Amino acid sequence: MAKHKDFTVATDAQVYFCDPQSPWQRGSNENTNLPLRQYFPRGTDLSGYSQADLDKVVLRLNQRPRKTLGFQTPASKLHASVASTV
């Protein structure tokens, strides 16, 4: 993240970086990458996919229940969060 200092100043949120080759430091990242790898193996060139293809994968992933969300889907959690603020 090239502009992490600007981000920190603008949002007052700290930015932390994990050590290279240390996947245990990136739990959320790794938990997201695993389902993505089912559609796009490591090293896949995404330029060969249309935006519509990528949108289909996003929809499938957002409709997949996650253990970390109490087996709710990311889409339903987001909807509930937005609904509670209205």
Protein backbone atom coordinates (compact mmCIF):
# COMPACT_ATOMS: atom_id res chain seq x y z
CA MET A 1 0.00 0.00 0.00
CA ALA A 2 2.04 2.87 -1.34
CA LYS A 3 0.03 5.63 0.31
CA HIS A 4 -0.46 4.09 3.73
CA LYS A 5 0.92 7.19 5.47
CA ASP A 6 -1.61 9.42 3.70
CA PHE A 7 -4.37 6.97 4.62
CA THR A 8 -3.30 6.96 8.28
CA VAL A 9 -3.29 10.76 8.44
CA ALA A 10 -6.64 11.09 6.66
CA THR A 11 -8.47 8.43 8.70
CA ASP A 12 -6.53 8.28 11.97
CA ALA A 13 -6.39 4.49 11.48
CA GLN A 14 -3.12 2.65 11.91
CA VAL A 15 -1.85 0.46 9.06
CA TYR A 16 0.05 -2.70 9.89
CA PHE A 17 2.04 -4.92 7.54
CA CYS A 18 2.68 -8.62 8.00
CA ASP A 19 6.06 -10.20 7.61
CA PRO A 20 6.72 -11.83 4.22
CA GLN A 21 6.11 -15.59 4.07
CA SER A 22 4.10 -15.48 7.33
CA PRO A 23 0.52 -16.50 6.42
CA TRP A 24 -0.44 -17.00 10.09
CA GLN A 25 -0.22 -13.21 10.46
CA ARG A 26 -2.83 -12.72 7.74
CA GLY A 27 -5.77 -14.86 8.86
CA SER A 28 -8.49 -12.80 7.21
CA ASN A 29 -6.49 -12.53 4.00
CA GLU A 30 -5.82 -16.26 3.89
CA ASN A 31 -9.47 -17.09 4.65
CA THR A 32 -10.47 -14.95 1.67
CA ASN A 33 -7.82 -16.33 -0.67
CA LEU A 34 -8.82 -19.97 -0.17
CA PRO A 35 -12.28 -19.63 -1.78
CA LEU A 36 -10.83 -17.38 -4.49
CA ARG A 37 -8.30 -20.10 -5.39
CA GLN A 38 -11.21 -22.43 -6.20
CA TYR A 39 -12.02 -20.13 -9.11
CA PHE A 40 -8.61 -18.65 -9.87
CA PRO A 41 -5.55 -20.77 -9.08
CA ARG A 42 -2.43 -18.91 -7.90
CA GLY A 43 -0.78 -17.09 -10.80
CA THR A 44 -3.95 -16.87 -12.88
CA ASP A 45 -3.95 -13.93 -15.31
CA LEU A 46 -7.24 -12.17 -14.61
CA SER A 47 -7.01 -10.11 -17.79
CA GLY A 48 -8.49 -13.09 -19.63
CA TYR A 49 -11.75 -12.74 -17.71
CA SER A 50 -14.51 -10.25 -18.42
CA GLN A 51 -15.96 -8.04 -15.70
CA ALA A 52 -19.14 -10.12 -15.95
CA ASP A 53 -17.12 -13.29 -15.21
CA LEU A 54 -15.51 -11.66 -12.18
CA ASP A 55 -18.88 -10.34 -10.98
CA LYS A 56 -20.30 -13.89 -11.07
CA VAL A 57 -17.49 -15.12 -8.82
CA VAL A 58 -18.03 -12.19 -6.44
CA LEU A 59 -21.74 -13.00 -6.24
CA ARG A 60 -21.05 -16.67 -5.52
CA LEU A 61 -18.52 -15.84 -2.81
CA ASN A 62 -20.79 -13.26 -1.17
CA GLN A 63 -23.62 -15.81 -1.07
CA ARG A 64 -21.47 -18.52 0.52
CA PRO A 65 -22.01 -18.98 4.29
CA ARG A 66 -18.92 -18.36 6.41
CA LYS A 67 -18.09 -19.98 9.72
CA THR A 68 -16.60 -16.70 10.97
CA LEU A 69 -19.97 -15.02 10.38
CA GLY A 70 -21.94 -17.63 12.32
CA PHE A 71 -22.69 -19.44 9.04
CA GLN A 72 -24.38 -16.37 7.61
CA THR A 73 -23.38 -15.04 4.21
CA PRO A 74 -21.33 -11.87 3.77
CA ALA A 75 -24.23 -10.44 1.75
CA SER A 76 -26.76 -11.07 4.53
CA LYS A 77 -24.43 -9.61 7.19
CA LEU A 78 -23.89 -6.49 5.09
CA HIS A 79 -27.61 -6.15 4.45
CA ALA A 80 -28.36 -6.49 8.18
CA SER A 81 -25.68 -3.93 9.02
CA VAL A 82 -27.01 -1.41 6.52
CA ALA A 83 -30.61 -2.01 7.62
CA SER A 84 -29.72 -1.39 11.26
CA THR A 85 -28.24 2.03 10.46
CA VAL A 86 -31.34 3.23 8.58
